[in-house]
């Protein structure tokens, strides 16, 4: 039996320097859960997904990996969790905060046919 991963995407937060990250990045720890919110009225990217922490906008899921997640969020599928996987305060803003988006722990019913 193969081992499957719940990992959907793993990336550095896009636009970190432009939002509220500076206010809370010192409080964030590896493993912290982030808010993941569709921003379909974004004029630059209709698939935009905000990443937030305690009411503060940190930045976005990068455009290169947001389309499938955005599509599912748009249709009401609440199946993702976003977690901080790496923090590097000494790095450039584009590489300070790494996030893993994972499938929530929903069980799957399996049926065996004979």
PDB file of N, CA and C in Angstrom:
ATOM      1  N   UNK A   1       0.838  -1.179   0.000  1.00  0.00           N
ATOM      2  CA  UNK A   1       0.000   0.000   0.000  1.00  0.00           C
ATOM      3  C   UNK A   1       0.886   1.245   0.000  1.00  0.00           C
ATOM      4  N   UNK A   2       0.584   2.191  -0.900  1.00  0.00           N
ATOM      5  CA  UNK A   2       1.410   3.386  -0.971  1.00  0.00           C
ATOM      6  C   UNK A   2       1.025   4.377   0.127  1.00  0.00           C
ATOM      7  N   UNK A   3       2.004   5.185   0.513  1.00  0.00           N
ATOM      8  CA  UNK A   3       1.741   6.245   1.495  1.00  0.00           C
ATOM      9  C   UNK A   3       1.465   7.528   0.718  1.00  0.00           C
ATOM     10  N   UNK A   4       0.324   8.108   0.965  1.00  0.00           N
ATOM     11  CA  UNK A   4      -0.037   9.349   0.299  1.00  0.00           C
ATOM     12  C   UNK A   4       0.114  10.509   1.267  1.00  0.00           C
ATOM     13  N   UNK A   5       0.435  11.621   0.727  1.00  0.00           N
ATOM     14  CA  UNK A   5       0.649  12.818   1.538  1.00  0.00           C
ATOM     15  C   UNK A   5      -0.555  13.742   1.433  1.00  0.00           C
ATOM     16  N   UNK A   6      -0.851  14.460   2.511  1.00  0.00           N
ATOM     17  CA  UNK A   6      -1.908  15.463   2.500  1.00  0.00           C
ATOM     18  C   UNK A   6      -1.394  16.804   1.987  1.00  0.00           C
ATOM     19  N   UNK A   7      -0.095  16.888   1.690  1.00  0.00           N
ATOM     20  CA  UNK A   7       0.493  18.130   1.196  1.00  0.00           C
ATOM     21  C   UNK A   7      -0.032  18.440  -0.198  1.00  0.00           C
ATOM     22  N   UNK A   8      -0.551  19.655  -0.355  1.00  0.00           N
ATOM     23  CA  UNK A   8      -1.058  20.111  -1.653  1.00  0.00           C
ATOM     24  C   UNK A   8      -0.041  21.049  -2.305  1.00  0.00           C
ATOM     25  N   UNK A   9       0.450  22.018  -1.553  1.00  0.00           N
ATOM     26  CA  UNK A   9       1.441  22.977  -2.043  1.00  0.00           C
ATOM     27  C   UNK A   9       2.370  23.373  -0.906  1.00  0.00           C
ATOM     28  N   UNK A  10       3.574  23.796  -1.263  1.00  0.00           N
ATOM     29  CA  UNK A  10       4.565  24.283  -0.309  1.00  0.00           C
ATOM     30  C   UNK A  10       5.279  25.444  -0.992  1.00  0.00           C
ATOM     31  N   UNK A  11       5.306  26.620  -0.373  1.00  0.00           N
ATOM     32  CA  UNK A  11       5.780  27.817  -1.055  1.00  0.00           C
ATOM     33  C   UNK A  11       6.160  28.903  -0.055  1.00  0.00           C
ATOM     34  N   UNK A  12       6.863  29.916  -0.564  1.00  0.00           N
ATOM     35  CA  UNK A  12       7.105  31.130   0.203  1.00  0.00           C
ATOM     36  C   UNK A  12       5.924  32.068  -0.042  1.00  0.00           C
ATOM     37  N   UNK A  13       5.506  32.789   0.987  1.00  0.00           N
ATOM     38  CA  UNK A  13       4.388  33.720   0.885  1.00  0.00           C
ATOM     39  C   UNK A  13       4.765  34.853  -0.071  1.00  0.00           C
ATOM     40  N   UNK A  14       3.883  35.108  -1.036  1.00  0.00           N
ATOM     41  CA  UNK A  14       4.100  36.175  -2.005  1.00  0.00           C
ATOM     42  C   UNK A  14       3.610  37.512  -1.430  1.00  0.00           C
ATOM     43  N   UNK A  15       4.340  38.574  -1.706  1.00  0.00           N
ATOM     44  CA  UNK A  15       3.926  39.910  -1.299  1.00  0.00           C
ATOM     45  C   UNK A  15       4.073  40.206   0.181  1.00  0.00           C
ATOM     46  N   UNK A  16       4.879  39.436   0.868  1.00  0.00           N
ATOM     47  CA  UNK A  16       5.037  39.571   2.317  1.00  0.00           C
ATOM     48  C   UNK A  16       5.416  41.001   2.727  1.00  0.00           C
ATOM     49  N   UNK A  17       6.236  41.641   1.955  1.00  0.00           N
ATOM     50  CA  UNK A  17       6.724  42.977   2.327  1.00  0.00           C
ATOM     51  C   UNK A  17       5.657  44.069   2.203  1.00  0.00           C
ATOM     52  N   UNK A  18       4.554  43.779   1.511  1.00  0.00           N
ATOM     53  CA  UNK A  18       3.564  44.814   1.230  1.00  0.00           C
ATOM     54  C   UNK A  18       2.394  44.859   2.207  1.00  0.00           C
ATOM     55  N   UNK A  19       2.254  43.886   3.053  1.00  0.00           N
ATOM     56  CA  UNK A  19       1.073  43.828   3.915  1.00  0.00           C
ATOM     57  C   UNK A  19       1.446  43.957   5.383  1.00  0.00           C
ATOM     58  N   UNK A  20       0.802  43.224   6.260  1.00  0.00           N
ATOM     59  CA  UNK A  20       0.940  43.420   7.708  1.00  0.00           C
ATOM     60  C   UNK A  20       1.907  42.462   8.387  1.00  0.00           C
ATOM     61  N   UNK A  21       2.691  41.731   7.634  1.00  0.00           N
ATOM     62  CA  UNK A  21       3.573  40.715   8.226  1.00  0.00           C
ATOM     63  C   UNK A  21       4.537  41.308   9.248  1.00  0.00           C
ATOM     64  N   UNK A  22       5.037  42.481   8.992  1.00  0.00           N
ATOM     65  CA  UNK A  22       6.008  43.101   9.887  1.00  0.00           C
ATOM     66  C   UNK A  22       5.454  43.251  11.309  1.00  0.00           C
ATOM     67  N   UNK A  23       4.126  43.375  11.418  1.00  0.00           N
ATOM     68  CA  UNK A  23       3.487  43.566  12.720  1.00  0.00           C
ATOM     69  C   UNK A  23       3.414  42.288  13.545  1.00  0.00           C
ATOM     70  N   UNK A  24       3.417  41.130  12.878  1.00  0.00           N
ATOM     71  CA  UNK A  24       3.186  39.872  13.601  1.00  0.00           C
ATOM     72  C   UNK A  24       4.230  38.794  13.369  1.00  0.00           C
ATOM     73  N   UNK A  25       5.157  39.006  12.451  1.00  0.00           N
ATOM     74  CA  UNK A  25       6.077  37.917  12.098  1.00  0.00           C
ATOM     75  C   UNK A  25       6.905  37.452  13.299  1.00  0.00           C
ATOM     76  N   UNK A  26       7.165  38.330  14.260  1.00  0.00           N
ATOM     77  CA  UNK A  26       7.903  37.938  15.458  1.00  0.00           C
ATOM     78  C   UNK A  26       7.116  37.017  16.377  1.00  0.00           C
ATOM     79  N   UNK A  27       5.794  36.998  16.217  1.00  0.00           N
ATOM     80  CA  UNK A  27       4.927  36.135  17.032  1.00  0.00           C
ATOM     81  C   UNK A  27       4.653  34.780  16.385  1.00  0.00           C
ATOM     82  N   UNK A  28       4.897  34.681  15.088  1.00  0.00           N
ATOM     83  CA  UNK A  28       4.577  33.463  14.340  1.00  0.00           C
ATOM     84  C   UNK A  28       5.629  32.398  14.598  1.00  0.00           C
ATOM     85  N   UNK A  29       5.170  31.160  14.737  1.00  0.00           N
ATOM     86  CA  UNK A  29       6.071  30.028  14.974  1.00  0.00           C
ATOM     87  C   UNK A  29       5.800  28.933  13.943  1.00  0.00           C
ATOM     88  N   UNK A  30       6.816  28.123  13.675  1.00  0.00           N
ATOM     89  CA  UNK A  30       6.643  26.976  12.783  1.00  0.00           C
ATOM     90  C   UNK A  30       5.523  26.104  13.346  1.00  0.00           C
ATOM     91  N   UNK A  31       4.616  25.710  12.480  1.00  0.00           N
ATOM     92  CA  UNK A  31       3.472  24.894  12.882  1.00  0.00           C
ATOM     93  C   UNK A  31       2.204  25.690  13.107  1.00  0.00           C
ATOM     94  N   UNK A  32       2.314  27.022  13.198  1.00  0.00           N
ATOM     95  CA  UNK A  32       1.114  27.844  13.379  1.00  0.00           C
ATOM     96  C   UNK A  32       0.207  27.731  12.161  1.00  0.00           C
ATOM     97  N   UNK A  33      -1.078  27.693  12.431  1.00  0.00           N
ATOM     98  CA  UNK A  33      -2.077  27.621  11.367  1.00  0.00           C
ATOM     99  C   UNK A  33      -2.400  29.034  10.895  1.00  0.00           C
ATOM    100  N   UNK A  34      -2.495  29.203   9.585  1.00  0.00           N
ATOM    101  CA  UNK A  34      -2.819  30.486   8.981  1.00  0.00           C
ATOM    102  C   UNK A  34      -4.214  30.445   8.382  1.00  0.00           C
ATOM    103  N   UNK A  35      -4.825  31.621   8.285  1.00  0.00           N
ATOM    104  CA  UNK A  35      -6.101  31.727   7.581  1.00  0.00           C
ATOM    105  C   UNK A  35      -5.821  31.657   6.087  1.00  0.00           C
ATOM    106  N   UNK A  36      -6.725  31.022   5.363  1.00  0.00           N
ATOM    107  CA  UNK A  36      -6.601  30.918   3.915  1.00  0.00           C
ATOM    108  C   UNK A  36      -7.945  31.367   3.329  1.00  0.00           C
ATOM    109  N   UNK A  37      -7.921  32.519   2.623  1.00  0.00           N
ATOM    110  CA  UNK A  37      -9.163  33.176   2.203  1.00  0.00           C
ATOM    111  C   UNK A  37      -9.095  33.541   0.728  1.00  0.00           C
ATOM    112  N   UNK A  38     -10.106  33.134  -0.014  1.00  0.00           N
ATOM    113  CA  UNK A  38     -10.192  33.473  -1.433  1.00  0.00           C
ATOM    114  C   UNK A  38     -10.469  34.964  -1.596  1.00  0.00           C
ATOM    115  N   UNK A  39      -9.756  35.607  -2.489  1.00  0.00           N
ATOM    116  CA  UNK A  39      -9.976  37.025  -2.804  1.00  0.00           C
ATOM    117  C   UNK A  39     -10.294  37.133  -4.298  1.00  0.00           C
ATOM    118  N   UNK A  40     -11.459  36.653  -4.689  1.00  0.00           N
ATOM    119  CA  UNK A  40     -11.812  36.563  -6.113  1.00  0.00           C
ATOM    120  C   UNK A  40     -12.027  37.922  -6.773  1.00  0.00           C
ATOM    121  N   UNK A  41     -12.152  38.996  -6.004  1.00  0.00           N
ATOM    122  CA  UNK A  41     -12.299  40.325  -6.593  1.00  0.00           C
ATOM    123  C   UNK A  41     -10.949  41.035  -6.768  1.00  0.00           C
ATOM    124  N   UNK A  42      -9.858  40.315  -6.626  1.00  0.00           N
ATOM    125  CA  UNK A  42      -8.522  40.872  -6.813  1.00  0.00           C
ATOM    126  C   UNK A  42      -8.354  41.255  -8.281  1.00  0.00           C
ATOM    127  N   UNK A  43      -8.027  42.511  -8.545  1.00  0.00           N
ATOM    128  CA  UNK A  43      -7.954  42.995  -9.933  1.00  0.00           C
ATOM    129  C   UNK A  43      -6.762  42.445 -10.713  1.00  0.00           C
ATOM    130  N   UNK A  44      -5.763  41.925 -10.023  1.00  0.00           N
ATOM    131  CA  UNK A  44      -4.572  41.408 -10.695  1.00  0.00           C
ATOM    132  C   UNK A  44      -4.598  39.907 -10.891  1.00  0.00           C
ATOM    133  N   UNK A  45      -5.337  39.209 -10.047  1.00  0.00           N
ATOM    134  CA  UNK A  45      -5.379  37.745 -10.117  1.00  0.00           C
ATOM    135  C   UNK A  45      -6.716  37.241  -9.579  1.00  0.00           C
ATOM    136  N   UNK A  46      -7.607  36.767 -10.438  1.00  0.00           N
ATOM    137  CA  UNK A  46      -8.910  36.278  -9.972  1.00  0.00           C
ATOM    138  C   UNK A  46      -8.817  35.017  -9.113  1.00  0.00           C
ATOM    139  N   UNK A  47      -7.643  34.381  -9.085  1.00  0.00           N
ATOM    140  CA  UNK A  47      -7.434  33.198  -8.248  1.00  0.00           C
ATOM    141  C   UNK A  47      -6.709  33.534  -6.946  1.00  0.00           C
ATOM    142  N   UNK A  48      -6.598  34.811  -6.617  1.00  0.00           N
ATOM    143  CA  UNK A  48      -5.825  35.249  -5.451  1.00  0.00           C
ATOM    144  C   UNK A  48      -6.358  34.644  -4.156  1.00  0.00           C
ATOM    145  N   UNK A  49      -5.416  34.201  -3.319  1.00  0.00           N
ATOM    146  CA  UNK A  49      -5.740  33.623  -2.012  1.00  0.00           C
ATOM    147  C   UNK A  49      -4.890  34.323  -0.965  1.00  0.00           C
ATOM    148  N   UNK A  50      -5.562  34.957  -0.012  1.00  0.00           N
ATOM    149  CA  UNK A  50      -4.883  35.657   1.077  1.00  0.00           C
ATOM    150  C   UNK A  50      -4.465  34.661   2.144  1.00  0.00           C
ATOM    151  N   UNK A  51      -3.296  34.888   2.722  1.00  0.00           N
ATOM    152  CA  UNK A  51      -2.846  34.166   3.910  1.00  0.00           C
ATOM    153  C   UNK A  51      -2.817  35.160   5.055  1.00  0.00           C
ATOM    154  N   UNK A  52      -3.478  34.825   6.160  1.00  0.00           N
ATOM    155  CA  UNK A  52      -3.567  35.734   7.285  1.00  0.00           C
ATOM    156  C   UNK A  52      -3.207  35.068   8.596  1.00  0.00           C
ATOM    157  N   UNK A  53      -2.929  35.922   9.586  1.00  0.00           N
ATOM    158  CA  UNK A  53      -2.580  35.442  10.922  1.00  0.00           C
ATOM    159  C   UNK A  53      -3.140  36.435  11.931  1.00  0.00           C
ATOM    160  N   UNK A  54      -4.033  35.963  12.785  1.00  0.00           N
ATOM    161  CA  UNK A  54      -4.641  36.782  13.840  1.00  0.00           C
ATOM    162  C   UNK A  54      -5.188  38.103  13.301  1.00  0.00           C
ATOM    163  N   UNK A  55      -5.918  38.017  12.197  1.00  0.00           N
ATOM    164  CA  UNK A  55      -6.551  39.193  11.622  1.00  0.00           C
ATOM    165  C   UNK A  55      -5.651  40.080  10.788  1.00  0.00           C
ATOM    166  N   UNK A  56      -4.405  39.688  10.608  1.00  0.00           N
ATOM    167  CA  UNK A  56      -3.449  40.464   9.814  1.00  0.00           C
ATOM    168  C   UNK A  56      -3.171  39.747   8.500  1.00  0.00           C
ATOM    169  N   UNK A  57      -3.209  40.497   7.426  1.00  0.00           N
ATOM    170  CA  UNK A  57      -2.910  39.955   6.098  1.00  0.00           C
ATOM    171  C   UNK A  57      -1.400  39.851   5.939  1.00  0.00           C
ATOM    172  N   UNK A  58      -0.916  38.624   5.711  1.00  0.00           N
ATOM    173  CA  UNK A  58       0.520  38.403   5.537  1.00  0.00           C
ATOM    174  C   UNK A  58       0.944  38.559   4.087  1.00  0.00           C
ATOM    175  N   UNK A  59       0.124  38.071   3.179  1.00  0.00           N
ATOM    176  CA  UNK A  59       0.455  38.067   1.764  1.00  0.00           C
ATOM    177  C   UNK A  59      -0.445  37.069   1.060  1.00  0.00           C
ATOM    178  N   UNK A  60       0.093  36.444   0.013  1.00  0.00           N
ATOM    179  CA  UNK A  60      -0.718  35.589  -0.853  1.00  0.00           C
ATOM    180  C   UNK A  60      -0.052  34.239  -1.140  1.00  0.00           C
ATOM    181  N   UNK A  61      -0.890  33.279  -1.494  1.00  0.00           N
ATOM    182  CA  UNK A  61      -0.401  32.055  -2.123  1.00  0.00           C
ATOM    183  C   UNK A  61       0.135  32.510  -3.490  1.00  0.00           C
ATOM    184  N   UNK A  62       1.349  32.130  -3.868  1.00  0.00           N
ATOM    185  CA  UNK A  62       1.895  32.571  -5.155  1.00  0.00           C
ATOM    186  C   UNK A  62       0.998  32.182  -6.335  1.00  0.00           C
ATOM    187  N   UNK A  63       0.962  33.062  -7.296  1.00  0.00           N
ATOM    188  CA  UNK A  63       0.130  32.865  -8.482  1.00  0.00           C
ATOM    189  C   UNK A  63       0.433  31.544  -9.187  1.00  0.00           C
ATOM    190  N   UNK A  64       1.667  31.120  -9.155  1.00  0.00           N
ATOM    191  CA  UNK A  64       2.072  29.888  -9.845  1.00  0.00           C
ATOM    192  C   UNK A  64       1.424  28.639  -9.259  1.00  0.00           C
ATOM    193  N   UNK A  65       0.892  28.722  -8.039  1.00  0.00           N
ATOM    194  CA  UNK A  65       0.325  27.510  -7.432  1.00  0.00           C
ATOM    195  C   UNK A  65      -1.033  27.758  -6.761  1.00  0.00           C
ATOM    196  N   UNK A  66      -1.785  28.762  -7.224  1.00  0.00           N
ATOM    197  CA  UNK A  66      -3.053  29.048  -6.547  1.00  0.00           C
ATOM    198  C   UNK A  66      -4.310  28.621  -7.298  1.00  0.00           C
ATOM    199  N   UNK A  67      -4.218  28.228  -8.562  1.00  0.00           N
ATOM    200  CA  UNK A  67      -5.431  28.026  -9.363  1.00  0.00           C
ATOM    201  C   UNK A  67      -6.311  26.872  -8.884  1.00  0.00           C
ATOM    202  N   UNK A  68      -5.734  25.727  -8.580  1.00  0.00           N
ATOM    203  CA  UNK A  68      -6.564  24.595  -8.138  1.00  0.00           C
ATOM    204  C   UNK A  68      -7.175  24.850  -6.760  1.00  0.00           C
ATOM    205  N   UNK A  69      -6.381  25.404  -5.849  1.00  0.00           N
ATOM    206  CA  UNK A  69      -6.894  25.710  -4.518  1.00  0.00           C
ATOM    207  C   UNK A  69      -8.015  26.741  -4.626  1.00  0.00           C
ATOM    208  N   UNK A  70      -7.799  27.765  -5.437  1.00  0.00           N
ATOM    209  CA  UNK A  70      -8.786  28.819  -5.637  1.00  0.00           C
ATOM    210  C   UNK A  70     -10.094  28.257  -6.193  1.00  0.00           C
ATOM    211  N   UNK A  71      -9.994  27.387  -7.160  1.00  0.00           N
ATOM    212  CA  UNK A  71     -11.185  26.790  -7.780  1.00  0.00           C
ATOM    213  C   UNK A  71     -12.018  26.042  -6.743  1.00  0.00           C
ATOM    214  N   UNK A  72     -11.379  25.259  -5.910  1.00  0.00           N
ATOM    215  CA  UNK A  72     -12.096  24.500  -4.891  1.00  0.00           C
ATOM    216  C   UNK A  72     -12.681  25.417  -3.815  1.00  0.00           C
ATOM    217  N   UNK A  73     -11.933  26.435  -3.402  1.00  0.00           N
ATOM    218  CA  UNK A  73     -12.464  27.397  -2.430  1.00  0.00           C
ATOM    219  C   UNK A  73     -13.674  28.138  -3.006  1.00  0.00           C
ATOM    220  N   UNK A  74     -13.598  28.515  -4.271  1.00  0.00           N
ATOM    221  CA  UNK A  74     -14.687  29.230  -4.927  1.00  0.00           C
ATOM    222  C   UNK A  74     -15.997  28.443  -4.860  1.00  0.00           C
ATOM    223  N   UNK A  75     -15.906  27.139  -5.024  1.00  0.00           N
ATOM    224  CA  UNK A  75     -17.102  26.296  -5.005  1.00  0.00           C
ATOM    225  C   UNK A  75     -17.454  25.802  -3.605  1.00  0.00           C
ATOM    226  N   UNK A  76     -16.833  26.371  -2.585  1.00  0.00           N
ATOM    227  CA  UNK A  76     -17.230  26.112  -1.208  1.00  0.00           C
ATOM    228  C   UNK A  76     -16.587  24.921  -0.534  1.00  0.00           C
ATOM    229  N   UNK A  77     -15.559  24.366  -1.116  1.00  0.00           N
ATOM    230  CA  UNK A  77     -14.879  23.229  -0.509  1.00  0.00           C
ATOM    231  C   UNK A  77     -13.884  23.719   0.551  1.00  0.00           C
ATOM    232  N   UNK A  78     -14.227  23.528   1.798  1.00  0.00           N
ATOM    233  CA  UNK A  78     -13.382  23.930   2.924  1.00  0.00           C
ATOM    234  C   UNK A  78     -12.519  22.730   3.309  1.00  0.00           C
ATOM    235  N   UNK A  79     -11.527  22.447   2.477  1.00  0.00           N
ATOM    236  CA  UNK A  79     -10.750  21.216   2.658  1.00  0.00           C
ATOM    237  C   UNK A  79      -9.266  21.464   2.889  1.00  0.00           C
ATOM    238  N   UNK A  80      -8.862  22.730   3.025  1.00  0.00           N
ATOM    239  CA  UNK A  80      -7.451  23.055   3.153  1.00  0.00           C
ATOM    240  C   UNK A  80      -7.126  23.690   4.493  1.00  0.00           C
ATOM    241  N   UNK A  81      -5.946  23.386   4.986  1.00  0.00           N
ATOM    242  CA  UNK A  81      -5.343  24.085   6.109  1.00  0.00           C
ATOM    243  C   UNK A  81      -3.981  24.584   5.649  1.00  0.00           C
ATOM    244  N   UNK A  82      -3.595  25.750   6.113  1.00  0.00           N
ATOM    245  CA  UNK A  82      -2.279  26.309   5.790  1.00  0.00           C
ATOM    246  C   UNK A  82      -1.479  26.438   7.083  1.00  0.00           C
ATOM    247  N   UNK A  83      -0.256  25.938   7.060  1.00  0.00           N
ATOM    248  CA  UNK A  83       0.614  25.954   8.230  1.00  0.00           C
ATOM    249  C   UNK A  83       1.958  26.578   7.893  1.00  0.00           C
ATOM    250  N   UNK A  84       2.530  27.282   8.841  1.00  0.00           N
ATOM    251  CA  UNK A  84       3.876  27.818   8.682  1.00  0.00           C
ATOM    252  C   UNK A  84       4.848  26.637   8.742  1.00  0.00           C
ATOM    253  N   UNK A  85       5.681  26.503   7.716  1.00  0.00           N
ATOM    254  CA  UNK A  85       6.642  25.399   7.690  1.00  0.00           C
ATOM    255  C   UNK A  85       8.077  25.868   7.893  1.00  0.00           C
ATOM    256  N   UNK A  86       8.328  27.176   7.694  1.00  0.00           N
ATOM    257  CA  UNK A  86       9.688  27.691   7.887  1.00  0.00           C
ATOM    258  C   UNK A  86       9.632  29.202   8.077  1.00  0.00           C
ATOM    259  N   UNK A  87      10.457  29.693   8.981  1.00  0.00           N
ATOM    260  CA  UNK A  87      10.599  31.132   9.198  1.00  0.00           C
ATOM    261  C   UNK A  87      12.088  31.452   9.155  1.00  0.00           C
ATOM    262  N   UNK A  88      12.446  32.437   8.333  1.00  0.00           N
ATOM    263  CA  UNK A  88      13.842  32.874   8.222  1.00  0.00           C
ATOM    264  C   UNK A  88      13.867  34.400   8.259  1.00  0.00           C
ATOM    265  N   UNK A  89      13.914  34.970   9.435  1.00  0.00           N
ATOM    266  CA  UNK A  89      13.856  36.421   9.582  1.00  0.00           C
ATOM    267  C   UNK A  89      15.077  37.124   9.006  1.00  0.00           C
ATOM    268  N   UNK A  90      16.191  36.389   8.835  1.00  0.00           N
ATOM    269  CA  UNK A  90      17.403  36.984   8.278  1.00  0.00           C
ATOM    270  C   UNK A  90      17.423  36.968   6.752  1.00  0.00           C
ATOM    271  N   UNK A  91      16.415  36.375   6.129  1.00  0.00           N
ATOM    272  CA  UNK A  91      16.351  36.274   4.665  1.00  0.00           C
ATOM    273  C   UNK A  91      15.632  37.494   4.075  1.00  0.00           C
ATOM    274  N   UNK A  92      15.719  37.618   2.764  1.00  0.00           N
ATOM    275  CA  UNK A  92      14.946  38.644   2.060  1.00  0.00           C
ATOM    276  C   UNK A  92      13.456  38.350   2.267  1.00  0.00           C
ATOM    277  N   UNK A  93      12.600  39.381   2.236  1.00  0.00           N
ATOM    278  CA  UNK A  93      11.172  39.158   2.493  1.00  0.00           C
ATOM    279  C   UNK A  93      10.535  38.053   1.644  1.00  0.00           C
ATOM    280  N   UNK A  94      11.016  37.892   0.418  1.00  0.00           N
ATOM    281  CA  UNK A  94      10.443  36.869  -0.471  1.00  0.00           C
ATOM    282  C   UNK A  94      10.709  35.447   0.021  1.00  0.00           C
ATOM    283  N   UNK A  95      11.621  35.292   0.978  1.00  0.00           N
ATOM    284  CA  UNK A  95      11.972  33.960   1.476  1.00  0.00           C
ATOM    285  C   UNK A  95      11.943  33.878   2.998  1.00  0.00           C
ATOM    286  N   UNK A  96      11.188  34.746   3.633  1.00  0.00           N
ATOM    287  CA  UNK A  96      11.127  34.725   5.087  1.00  0.00           C
ATOM    288  C   UNK A  96      10.114  33.740   5.643  1.00  0.00           C
ATOM    289  N   UNK A  97       9.012  33.557   4.946  1.00  0.00           N
ATOM    290  CA  UNK A  97       7.927  32.747   5.493  1.00  0.00           C
ATOM    291  C   UNK A  97       7.490  31.695   4.475  1.00  0.00           C
ATOM    292  N   UNK A  98       7.713  30.437   4.825  1.00  0.00           N
ATOM    293  CA  UNK A  98       7.332  29.320   3.965  1.00  0.00           C
ATOM    294  C   UNK A  98       6.093  28.660   4.559  1.00  0.00           C
ATOM    295  N   UNK A  99       5.174  28.289   3.686  1.00  0.00           N
ATOM    296  CA  UNK A  99       3.879  27.747   4.110  1.00  0.00           C
ATOM    297  C   UNK A  99       3.588  26.447   3.381  1.00  0.00           C
ATOM    298  N   UNK A 100       2.982  25.527   4.103  1.00  0.00           N
ATOM    299  CA  UNK A 100       2.497  24.279   3.508  1.00  0.00           C
ATOM    300  C   UNK A 100       0.974  24.293   3.553  1.00  0.00           C
ATOM    301  N   UNK A 101       0.360  24.071   2.412  1.00  0.00           N
ATOM    302  CA  UNK A 101      -1.096  23.909   2.347  1.00  0.00           C
ATOM    303  C   UNK A 101      -1.362  22.419   2.279  1.00  0.00           C
ATOM    304  N   UNK A 102      -2.186  21.967   3.218  1.00  0.00           N
ATOM    305  CA  UNK A 102      -2.474  20.536   3.336  1.00  0.00           C
ATOM    306  C   UNK A 102      -3.973  20.293   3.297  1.00  0.00           C
ATOM    307  N   UNK A 103      -4.342  19.100   2.885  1.00  0.00           N
ATOM    308  CA  UNK A 103      -5.733  18.689   2.971  1.00  0.00           C
ATOM    309  C   UNK A 103      -6.087  18.472   4.426  1.00  0.00           C
ATOM    310  N   UNK A 104      -7.293  18.877   4.782  1.00  0.00           N
ATOM    311  CA  UNK A 104      -7.756  18.630   6.148  1.00  0.00           C
ATOM    312  C   UNK A 104      -7.888  17.141   6.360  1.00  0.00           C
ATOM    313  N   UNK A 105      -7.992  16.719   7.595  1.00  0.00           N
ATOM    314  CA  UNK A 105      -8.012  15.311   7.955  1.00  0.00           C
ATOM    315  C   UNK A 105      -9.322  14.588   7.768  1.00  0.00           C
ATOM    316  N   UNK A 106      -9.973  14.805   6.652  1.00  0.00           N
ATOM    317  CA  UNK A 106     -11.221  14.098   6.377  1.00  0.00           C
ATOM    318  C   UNK A 106     -10.931  12.639   6.059  1.00  0.00           C
ATOM    319  N   UNK A 107     -11.690  11.745   6.638  1.00  0.00           N
ATOM    320  CA  UNK A 107     -11.529  10.324   6.357  1.00  0.00           C
ATOM    321  C   UNK A 107     -12.153   9.955   5.024  1.00  0.00           C
ATOM    322  N   UNK A 108     -11.678   8.900   4.461  1.00  0.00           N
ATOM    323  CA  UNK A 108     -12.211   8.409   3.201  1.00  0.00           C
ATOM    324  C   UNK A 108     -12.744   7.010   3.434  1.00  0.00           C
ATOM    325  N   UNK A 109     -13.958   6.780   2.982  1.00  0.00           N
ATOM    326  CA  UNK A 109     -14.543   5.454   3.091  1.00  0.00           C
ATOM    327  C   UNK A 109     -14.054   4.612   1.925  1.00  0.00           C
ATOM    328  N   UNK A 110     -13.547   3.440   2.242  1.00  0.00           N
ATOM    329  CA  UNK A 110     -13.106   2.550   1.174  1.00  0.00           C
ATOM    330  C   UNK A 110     -13.993   1.312   1.175  1.00  0.00           C
ATOM    331  N   UNK A 111     -14.194   0.810   0.018  1.00  0.00           N
ATOM    332  CA  UNK A 111     -15.000  -0.402  -0.161  1.00  0.00           C
ATOM    333  C   UNK A 111     -14.170  -1.393  -0.921  1.00  0.00           C
ATOM    334  N   UNK A 112     -14.167  -2.623  -0.474  1.00  0.00           N
ATOM    335  CA  UNK A 112     -13.421  -3.658  -1.164  1.00  0.00           C
ATOM    336  C   UNK A 112     -14.401  -4.488  -1.982  1.00  0.00           C
ATOM    337  N   UNK A 113     -14.114  -4.638  -3.263  1.00  0.00           N
ATOM    338  CA  UNK A 113     -14.946  -5.443  -4.151  1.00  0.00           C
ATOM    339  C   UNK A 113     -14.250  -6.759  -4.423  1.00  0.00           C
ATOM    340  N   UNK A 114     -15.042  -7.811  -4.452  1.00  0.00           N
ATOM    341  CA  UNK A 114     -14.491  -9.141  -4.730  1.00  0.00           C
ATOM    342  C   UNK A 114     -15.033  -9.696  -6.009  1.00  0.00           C
TER     343      UNK A 114
END
